[in-house]
Amino acid sequence: MQTLDVESSRRTPGSPCTEQIIGAELIRAQYGNMPGAFIGGAVTASFMAAVLYDKVSALAVVPWLAAVYVNCVIRITLWKWFLRVNPVGAQVPRWGRYSVISAALAGVVWGAAGIILNIPGACRTRSSCCSGAEMLASLGGLRRLPDLIVADSAAPGENGTAVVEMLRNEFKVEVPALLVSATAGPVEERDGLPVLQRPFHAGRLRTLINNLLHAPAVRARRAS
């Protein structure tokens, strides 16, 4: 029994096969999706740069944002060139390679954002201790200066003020500190340290912490 491939018999020399036609249409679809990709990328990058501008050095944010814009310009140029040439047949796969290369460059730029736009101190560690000595041992293991000390004003064996002084003497830096107290009465400060009365509202705690961490002296120390 013999069979005849009707499609093959009708194909003229040099005419594209079904796989080539499907591949060409997929590449055309890639170029059709390009405008949304590079416009969305530029808008997202601009938003990220605006949010991180005061948290990350401008020497990192500005060059990265410029790299995103340059990549967008390259992809826009490639897209317009594709529309103008309107390739057919065997010419289309070459444009598919161009599209892959431009997308790979975009991936490199956006992947670099995880390193370039890293916020110093963003990954924080919280340590809970029962005494100043225990806290010193814990911080020694972290090998870094604490961002904030929150101490109980009436801790067993030593009060919060003594703990704060011990840690400040150890690090030789005026580390921001906050006392928590259960003593009745509107006491706002004790021994030069702000006091938070228990029970307290989360908003009050957040305000005190923000004020301490964004004090001029603290910001100047981080910048140095």
C-alpha atoms as a PDB file:
ATOM      1  CA  MET A   1       0.000   0.000   0.000  1.00  0.00           C
ATOM      2  CA  GLN A   2       1.404   3.383  -0.978  1.00  0.00           C
ATOM      3  CA  THR A   3       0.546   6.790   0.543  1.00  0.00           C
ATOM      4  CA  LEU A   4       1.001  10.199  -0.932  1.00  0.00           C
ATOM      5  CA  ASP A   5       1.864  13.313   1.051  1.00  0.00           C
ATOM      6  CA  VAL A   6      -0.505  15.763  -0.637  1.00  0.00           C
ATOM      7  CA  GLU A   7       0.892  18.794   1.201  1.00  0.00           C
ATOM      8  CA  SER A   8       4.474  17.906   0.239  1.00  0.00           C
ATOM      9  CA  SER A   9       3.511  17.271  -3.339  1.00  0.00           C
ATOM     10  CA  ARG A  10       1.901  20.692  -3.633  1.00  0.00           C
ATOM     11  CA  ARG A  11       4.775  22.587  -1.982  1.00  0.00           C
ATOM     12  CA  THR A  12       6.884  24.528  -4.433  1.00  0.00           C
ATOM     13  CA  PRO A  13      10.653  24.813  -3.969  1.00  0.00           C
ATOM     14  CA  GLY A  14      11.528  27.581  -1.510  1.00  0.00           C
ATOM     15  CA  SER A  15       8.003  27.895  -0.085  1.00  0.00           C
ATOM     16  CA  PRO A  16       7.816  27.989   3.764  1.00  0.00           C
ATOM     17  CA  CYS A  17       6.639  24.902   5.602  1.00  0.00           C
ATOM     18  CA  THR A  18       3.989  24.905   8.325  1.00  0.00           C
ATOM     19  CA  GLU A  19       6.594  25.077  11.129  1.00  0.00           C
ATOM     20  CA  GLN A  20       8.204  28.139   9.540  1.00  0.00           C
ATOM     21  CA  ILE A  21       4.872  29.878   9.170  1.00  0.00           C
ATOM     22  CA  ILE A  22       3.947  29.200  12.825  1.00  0.00           C
ATOM     23  CA  GLY A  23       7.403  30.328  13.990  1.00  0.00           C
ATOM     24  CA  ALA A  24       7.116  33.535  11.995  1.00  0.00           C
ATOM     25  CA  GLU A  25       3.704  34.297  13.490  1.00  0.00           C
ATOM     26  CA  LEU A  26       5.062  33.713  17.018  1.00  0.00           C
ATOM     27  CA  ILE A  27       7.867  36.188  16.365  1.00  0.00           C
ATOM     28  CA  ARG A  28       5.381  38.710  15.005  1.00  0.00           C
ATOM     29  CA  ALA A  29       3.367  38.242  18.196  1.00  0.00           C
ATOM     30  CA  GLN A  30       6.512  39.004  20.228  1.00  0.00           C
ATOM     31  CA  TYR A  31       6.949  42.291  18.409  1.00  0.00           C
ATOM     32  CA  GLY A  32       3.254  43.023  18.818  1.00  0.00           C
ATOM     33  CA  ASN A  33       3.659  42.744  22.599  1.00  0.00           C
ATOM     34  CA  MET A  34       6.803  44.890  22.705  1.00  0.00           C
ATOM     35  CA  PRO A  35       5.169  48.341  23.199  1.00  0.00           C
ATOM     36  CA  GLY A  36       3.410  47.264  26.388  1.00  0.00           C
ATOM     37  CA  ALA A  37       6.613  45.677  27.693  1.00  0.00           C
ATOM     38  CA  PHE A  38       8.959  48.642  27.271  1.00  0.00           C
ATOM     39  CA  ILE A  39       6.391  51.274  28.246  1.00  0.00           C
ATOM     40  CA  GLY A  40       5.451  49.300  31.369  1.00  0.00           C
ATOM     41  CA  GLY A  41       9.134  48.786  32.181  1.00  0.00           C
ATOM     42  CA  ALA A  42       9.918  52.494  31.906  1.00  0.00           C
ATOM     43  CA  VAL A  43       6.947  53.469  34.095  1.00  0.00           C
ATOM     44  CA  THR A  44       7.790  50.840  36.733  1.00  0.00           C
ATOM     45  CA  ALA A  45      11.472  51.851  36.790  1.00  0.00           C
ATOM     46  CA  SER A  46      10.549  55.527  37.193  1.00  0.00           C
ATOM     47  CA  PHE A  47       8.258  54.705  40.107  1.00  0.00           C
ATOM     48  CA  MET A  48      10.937  52.577  41.791  1.00  0.00           C
ATOM     49  CA  ALA A  49      13.550  55.315  41.374  1.00  0.00           C
ATOM     50  CA  ALA A  50      11.196  57.900  42.894  1.00  0.00           C
ATOM     51  CA  VAL A  51      10.471  55.672  45.898  1.00  0.00           C
ATOM     52  CA  LEU A  52      14.109  54.717  46.514  1.00  0.00           C
ATOM     53  CA  TYR A  53      15.747  58.052  45.708  1.00  0.00           C
ATOM     54  CA  ASP A  54      16.058  59.167  49.341  1.00  0.00           C
ATOM     55  CA  LYS A  55      16.951  55.669  50.568  1.00  0.00           C
ATOM     56  CA  VAL A  56      19.650  54.648  48.079  1.00  0.00           C
ATOM     57  CA  SER A  57      22.543  56.731  46.780  1.00  0.00           C
ATOM     58  CA  ALA A  58      21.720  58.772  43.679  1.00  0.00           C
ATOM     59  CA  LEU A  59      24.972  57.424  42.185  1.00  0.00           C
ATOM     60  CA  ALA A  60      23.249  54.028  42.091  1.00  0.00           C
ATOM     61  CA  VAL A  61      19.656  55.011  41.255  1.00  0.00           C
ATOM     62  CA  VAL A  62      20.330  57.432  38.392  1.00  0.00           C
ATOM     63  CA  PRO A  63      22.683  55.195  36.320  1.00  0.00           C
ATOM     64  CA  TRP A  64      20.345  52.220  36.757  1.00  0.00           C
ATOM     65  CA  LEU A  65      17.331  54.263  35.652  1.00  0.00           C
ATOM     66  CA  ALA A  66      19.335  55.544  32.676  1.00  0.00           C
ATOM     67  CA  ALA A  67      20.189  51.943  31.731  1.00  0.00           C
ATOM     68  CA  VAL A  68      16.481  51.047  31.813  1.00  0.00           C
ATOM     69  CA  TYR A  69      15.644  54.009  29.555  1.00  0.00           C
ATOM     70  CA  VAL A  70      18.446  53.125  27.128  1.00  0.00           C
ATOM     71  CA  ASN A  71      17.175  49.559  26.914  1.00  0.00           C
ATOM     72  CA  CYS A  72      13.656  50.866  26.276  1.00  0.00           C
ATOM     73  CA  VAL A  73      14.951  53.100  23.469  1.00  0.00           C
ATOM     74  CA  ILE A  74      16.769  50.130  21.922  1.00  0.00           C
ATOM     75  CA  ARG A  75      13.602  48.026  22.017  1.00  0.00           C
ATOM     76  CA  ILE A  76      11.486  50.862  20.583  1.00  0.00           C
ATOM     77  CA  THR A  77      13.975  51.283  17.739  1.00  0.00           C
ATOM     78  CA  LEU A  78      13.989  47.541  17.094  1.00  0.00           C
ATOM     79  CA  TRP A  79      10.180  47.439  17.099  1.00  0.00           C
ATOM     80  CA  LYS A  80       9.879  50.344  14.632  1.00  0.00           C
ATOM     81  CA  TRP A  81      12.551  48.818  12.416  1.00  0.00           C
ATOM     82  CA  PHE A  82      10.649  45.524  12.351  1.00  0.00           C
ATOM     83  CA  LEU A  83       7.430  47.275  11.344  1.00  0.00           C
ATOM     84  CA  ARG A  84       9.195  49.218   8.599  1.00  0.00           C
ATOM     85  CA  VAL A  85      11.007  46.188   7.129  1.00  0.00           C
ATOM     86  CA  ASN A  86       8.018  43.840   7.585  1.00  0.00           C
ATOM     87  CA  PRO A  87      10.148  40.717   7.078  1.00  0.00           C
ATOM     88  CA  VAL A  88       8.700  37.582   5.487  1.00  0.00           C
ATOM     89  CA  GLY A  89       9.741  33.996   5.116  1.00  0.00           C
ATOM     90  CA  ALA A  90      13.324  33.153   5.986  1.00  0.00           C
ATOM     91  CA  GLN A  91      14.012  36.733   7.144  1.00  0.00           C
ATOM     92  CA  VAL A  92      11.763  36.453  10.220  1.00  0.00           C
ATOM     93  CA  PRO A  93      13.903  34.110  12.426  1.00  0.00           C
ATOM     94  CA  ARG A  94      16.716  36.676  12.432  1.00  0.00           C
ATOM     95  CA  TRP A  95      14.339  39.192  13.983  1.00  0.00           C
ATOM     96  CA  GLY A  96      13.393  36.629  16.569  1.00  0.00           C
ATOM     97  CA  ARG A  97      17.036  36.499  17.666  1.00  0.00           C
ATOM     98  CA  TYR A  98      17.116  40.285  17.903  1.00  0.00           C
ATOM     99  CA  SER A  99      14.054  40.172  20.136  1.00  0.00           C
ATOM    100  CA  VAL A 100      15.630  37.556  22.420  1.00  0.00           C
ATOM    101  CA  ILE A 101      18.842  39.596  22.740  1.00  0.00           C
ATOM    102  CA  SER A 102      16.969  42.797  23.642  1.00  0.00           C
ATOM    103  CA  ALA A 103      14.863  40.905  26.213  1.00  0.00           C
ATOM    104  CA  ALA A 104      18.019  39.364  27.690  1.00  0.00           C
ATOM    105  CA  LEU A 105      19.575  42.820  28.075  1.00  0.00           C
ATOM    106  CA  ALA A 106      16.423  43.985  29.859  1.00  0.00           C
ATOM    107  CA  GLY A 107      16.684  40.972  32.165  1.00  0.00           C
ATOM    108  CA  VAL A 108      20.287  41.873  33.025  1.00  0.00           C
ATOM    109  CA  VAL A 109      19.332  45.473  33.851  1.00  0.00           C
ATOM    110  CA  TRP A 110      16.393  44.462  36.024  1.00  0.00           C
ATOM    111  CA  GLY A 111      18.358  41.663  37.658  1.00  0.00           C
ATOM    112  CA  ALA A 112      21.071  44.148  38.599  1.00  0.00           C
ATOM    113  CA  ALA A 113      18.449  46.185  40.464  1.00  0.00           C
ATOM    114  CA  GLY A 114      18.499  43.620  43.269  1.00  0.00           C
ATOM    115  CA  ILE A 115      22.151  44.466  43.896  1.00  0.00           C
ATOM    116  CA  ILE A 116      22.408  48.123  42.885  1.00  0.00           C
ATOM    117  CA  LEU A 117      19.201  49.272  44.605  1.00  0.00           C
ATOM    118  CA  ASN A 118      19.767  47.345  47.821  1.00  0.00           C
ATOM    119  CA  ILE A 119      18.789  49.513  50.817  1.00  0.00           C
ATOM    120  CA  PRO A 120      21.529  49.472  53.478  1.00  0.00           C
ATOM    121  CA  GLY A 121      20.244  47.943  56.700  1.00  0.00           C
ATOM    122  CA  ALA A 122      16.980  46.798  55.129  1.00  0.00           C
ATOM    123  CA  CYS A 123      17.489  43.275  56.438  1.00  0.00           C
ATOM    124  CA  ARG A 124      17.277  43.837  60.176  1.00  0.00           C
ATOM    125  CA  THR A 125      17.565  41.362  63.029  1.00  0.00           C
ATOM    126  CA  ARG A 126      15.639  41.656  66.287  1.00  0.00           C
ATOM    127  CA  SER A 127      17.237  40.381  69.484  1.00  0.00           C
ATOM    128  CA  SER A 128      15.287  39.906  72.732  1.00  0.00           C
ATOM    129  CA  CYS A 129      17.395  39.625  75.904  1.00  0.00           C
ATOM    130  CA  CYS A 130      16.822  39.558  79.678  1.00  0.00           C
ATOM    131  CA  SER A 131      19.884  41.580  80.710  1.00  0.00           C
ATOM    132  CA  GLY A 132      22.494  43.979  79.433  1.00  0.00           C
ATOM    133  CA  ALA A 133      25.190  41.289  79.490  1.00  0.00           C
ATOM    134  CA  GLU A 134      23.019  38.934  77.461  1.00  0.00           C
ATOM    135  CA  MET A 135      22.321  41.701  74.966  1.00  0.00           C
ATOM    136  CA  LEU A 136      26.043  42.430  74.587  1.00  0.00           C
ATOM    137  CA  ALA A 137      26.703  38.760  73.868  1.00  0.00           C
ATOM    138  CA  SER A 138      23.889  38.693  71.317  1.00  0.00           C
ATOM    139  CA  LEU A 139      25.068  41.833  69.527  1.00  0.00           C
ATOM    140  CA  GLY A 140      28.615  40.527  69.505  1.00  0.00           C
ATOM    141  CA  GLY A 141      27.377  37.548  67.529  1.00  0.00           C
ATOM    142  CA  LEU A 142      25.703  39.858  65.014  1.00  0.00           C
ATOM    143  CA  ARG A 143      28.910  41.917  64.666  1.00  0.00           C
ATOM    144  CA  ARG A 144      27.064  45.120  64.005  1.00  0.00           C
ATOM    145  CA  LEU A 145      25.965  48.265  65.770  1.00  0.00           C
ATOM    146  CA  PRO A 146      22.323  48.110  66.923  1.00  0.00           C
ATOM    147  CA  ASP A 147      19.932  50.534  65.230  1.00  0.00           C
ATOM    148  CA  LEU A 148      17.741  50.935  68.315  1.00  0.00           C
ATOM    149  CA  ILE A 149      17.656  49.815  71.948  1.00  0.00           C
ATOM    150  CA  VAL A 150      14.282  49.196  73.616  1.00  0.00           C
ATOM    151  CA  ALA A 151      14.764  48.514  77.336  1.00  0.00           C
ATOM    152  CA  ASP A 152      12.444  47.871  80.255  1.00  0.00           C
ATOM    153  CA  SER A 153      12.847  50.684  82.759  1.00  0.00           C
ATOM    154  CA  ALA A 154      12.465  48.193  85.642  1.00  0.00           C
ATOM    155  CA  ALA A 155      14.264  45.092  84.342  1.00  0.00           C
ATOM    156  CA  PRO A 156      15.201  42.487  86.999  1.00  0.00           C
ATOM    157  CA  GLY A 157      18.652  43.193  88.438  1.00  0.00           C
ATOM    158  CA  GLU A 158      19.336  46.350  86.387  1.00  0.00           C
ATOM    159  CA  ASN A 159      17.125  49.156  85.168  1.00  0.00           C
ATOM    160  CA  GLY A 160      16.727  50.144  81.548  1.00  0.00           C
ATOM    161  CA  THR A 161      18.854  53.258  81.876  1.00  0.00           C
ATOM    162  CA  ALA A 162      21.811  51.184  83.097  1.00  0.00           C
ATOM    163  CA  VAL A 163      21.408  48.765  80.185  1.00  0.00           C
ATOM    164  CA  VAL A 164      21.383  51.630  77.685  1.00  0.00           C
ATOM    165  CA  GLU A 165      24.490  53.206  79.234  1.00  0.00           C
ATOM    166  CA  MET A 166      26.283  49.849  79.229  1.00  0.00           C
ATOM    167  CA  LEU A 167      25.615  49.346  75.518  1.00  0.00           C
ATOM    168  CA  ARG A 168      26.490  52.907  74.584  1.00  0.00           C
ATOM    169  CA  ASN A 169      29.782  52.661  76.476  1.00  0.00           C
ATOM    170  CA  GLU A 170      30.532  49.368  74.763  1.00  0.00           C
ATOM    171  CA  PHE A 171      29.933  50.703  71.252  1.00  0.00           C
ATOM    172  CA  LYS A 172      31.146  54.237  72.082  1.00  0.00           C
ATOM    173  CA  VAL A 173      28.182  55.623  70.140  1.00  0.00           C
ATOM    174  CA  GLU A 174      24.971  57.302  71.267  1.00  0.00           C
ATOM    175  CA  VAL A 175      22.750  54.489  70.001  1.00  0.00           C
ATOM    176  CA  PRO A 176      19.063  55.560  69.835  1.00  0.00           C
ATOM    177  CA  ALA A 177      17.232  54.153  72.863  1.00  0.00           C
ATOM    178  CA  LEU A 178      13.702  53.923  74.235  1.00  0.00           C
ATOM    179  CA  LEU A 179      12.483  52.974  77.701  1.00  0.00           C
ATOM    180  CA  VAL A 180       9.275  51.032  78.290  1.00  0.00           C
ATOM    181  CA  SER A 181       7.630  51.542  81.667  1.00  0.00           C
ATOM    182  CA  ALA A 182       4.568  50.315  83.542  1.00  0.00           C
ATOM    183  CA  THR A 183       4.731  53.181  86.033  1.00  0.00           C
ATOM    184  CA  ALA A 184       1.522  55.167  86.208  1.00  0.00           C
ATOM    185  CA  GLY A 185       1.653  58.814  85.255  1.00  0.00           C
ATOM    186  CA  PRO A 186       2.405  60.804  82.080  1.00  0.00           C
ATOM    187  CA  VAL A 187       6.202  60.482  82.147  1.00  0.00           C
ATOM    188  CA  GLU A 188       7.606  61.439  78.713  1.00  0.00           C
ATOM    189  CA  GLU A 189      11.312  61.255  79.520  1.00  0.00           C
ATOM    190  CA  ARG A 190      13.615  59.691  82.093  1.00  0.00           C
ATOM    191  CA  ASP A 191      17.382  60.230  82.357  1.00  0.00           C
ATOM    192  CA  GLY A 192      17.341  61.835  78.921  1.00  0.00           C
ATOM    193  CA  LEU A 193      15.582  58.860  77.307  1.00  0.00           C
ATOM    194  CA  PRO A 194      12.041  58.862  75.893  1.00  0.00           C
ATOM    195  CA  VAL A 195       9.582  56.732  77.885  1.00  0.00           C
ATOM    196  CA  LEU A 196       6.715  54.689  76.497  1.00  0.00           C
ATOM    197  CA  GLN A 197       4.037  53.879  79.074  1.00  0.00           C
ATOM    198  CA  ARG A 198       2.399  50.443  79.078  1.00  0.00           C
ATOM    199  CA  PRO A 199      -0.174  49.692  77.814  1.00  0.00           C
ATOM    200  CA  PHE A 200       0.574  51.676  74.668  1.00  0.00           C
ATOM    201  CA  HIS A 201      -0.895  52.078  71.214  1.00  0.00           C
ATOM    202  CA  ALA A 202       1.056  50.693  68.247  1.00  0.00           C
ATOM    203  CA  GLY A 203       0.869  54.091  66.562  1.00  0.00           C
ATOM    204  CA  ARG A 204       2.615  55.734  69.510  1.00  0.00           C
ATOM    205  CA  LEU A 205       5.408  53.143  69.398  1.00  0.00           C
ATOM    206  CA  ARG A 206       5.816  53.616  65.658  1.00  0.00           C
ATOM    207  CA  THR A 207       6.036  57.391  66.028  1.00  0.00           C
ATOM    208  CA  LEU A 208       8.694  57.203  68.740  1.00  0.00           C
ATOM    209  CA  ILE A 209      10.798  54.721  66.762  1.00  0.00           C
ATOM    210  CA  ASN A 210      10.584  56.806  63.575  1.00  0.00           C
ATOM    211  CA  ASN A 211      11.587  59.946  65.472  1.00  0.00           C
ATOM    212  CA  LEU A 212      14.582  58.185  67.012  1.00  0.00           C
ATOM    213  CA  LEU A 213      15.795  56.513  63.821  1.00  0.00           C
ATOM    214  CA  HIS A 214      15.425  59.668  61.721  1.00  0.00           C
ATOM    215  CA  ALA A 215      17.018  62.086  64.170  1.00  0.00           C
ATOM    216  CA  PRO A 216      19.677  64.312  62.497  1.00  0.00           C
ATOM    217  CA  ALA A 217      22.534  62.786  64.506  1.00  0.00           C
ATOM    218  CA  VAL A 218      21.526  59.249  63.543  1.00  0.00           C
ATOM    219  CA  ARG A 219      21.168  60.110  59.851  1.00  0.00           C
ATOM    220  CA  ALA A 220      24.557  61.815  59.879  1.00  0.00           C
ATOM    221  CA  ARG A 221      26.198  58.754  61.457  1.00  0.00           C
ATOM    222  CA  ARG A 222      24.710  56.437  58.822  1.00  0.00           C
ATOM    223  CA  ALA A 223      25.856  58.700  56.011  1.00  0.00           C
ATOM    224  CA  SER A 224      29.446  58.771  57.284  1.00  0.00           C
END
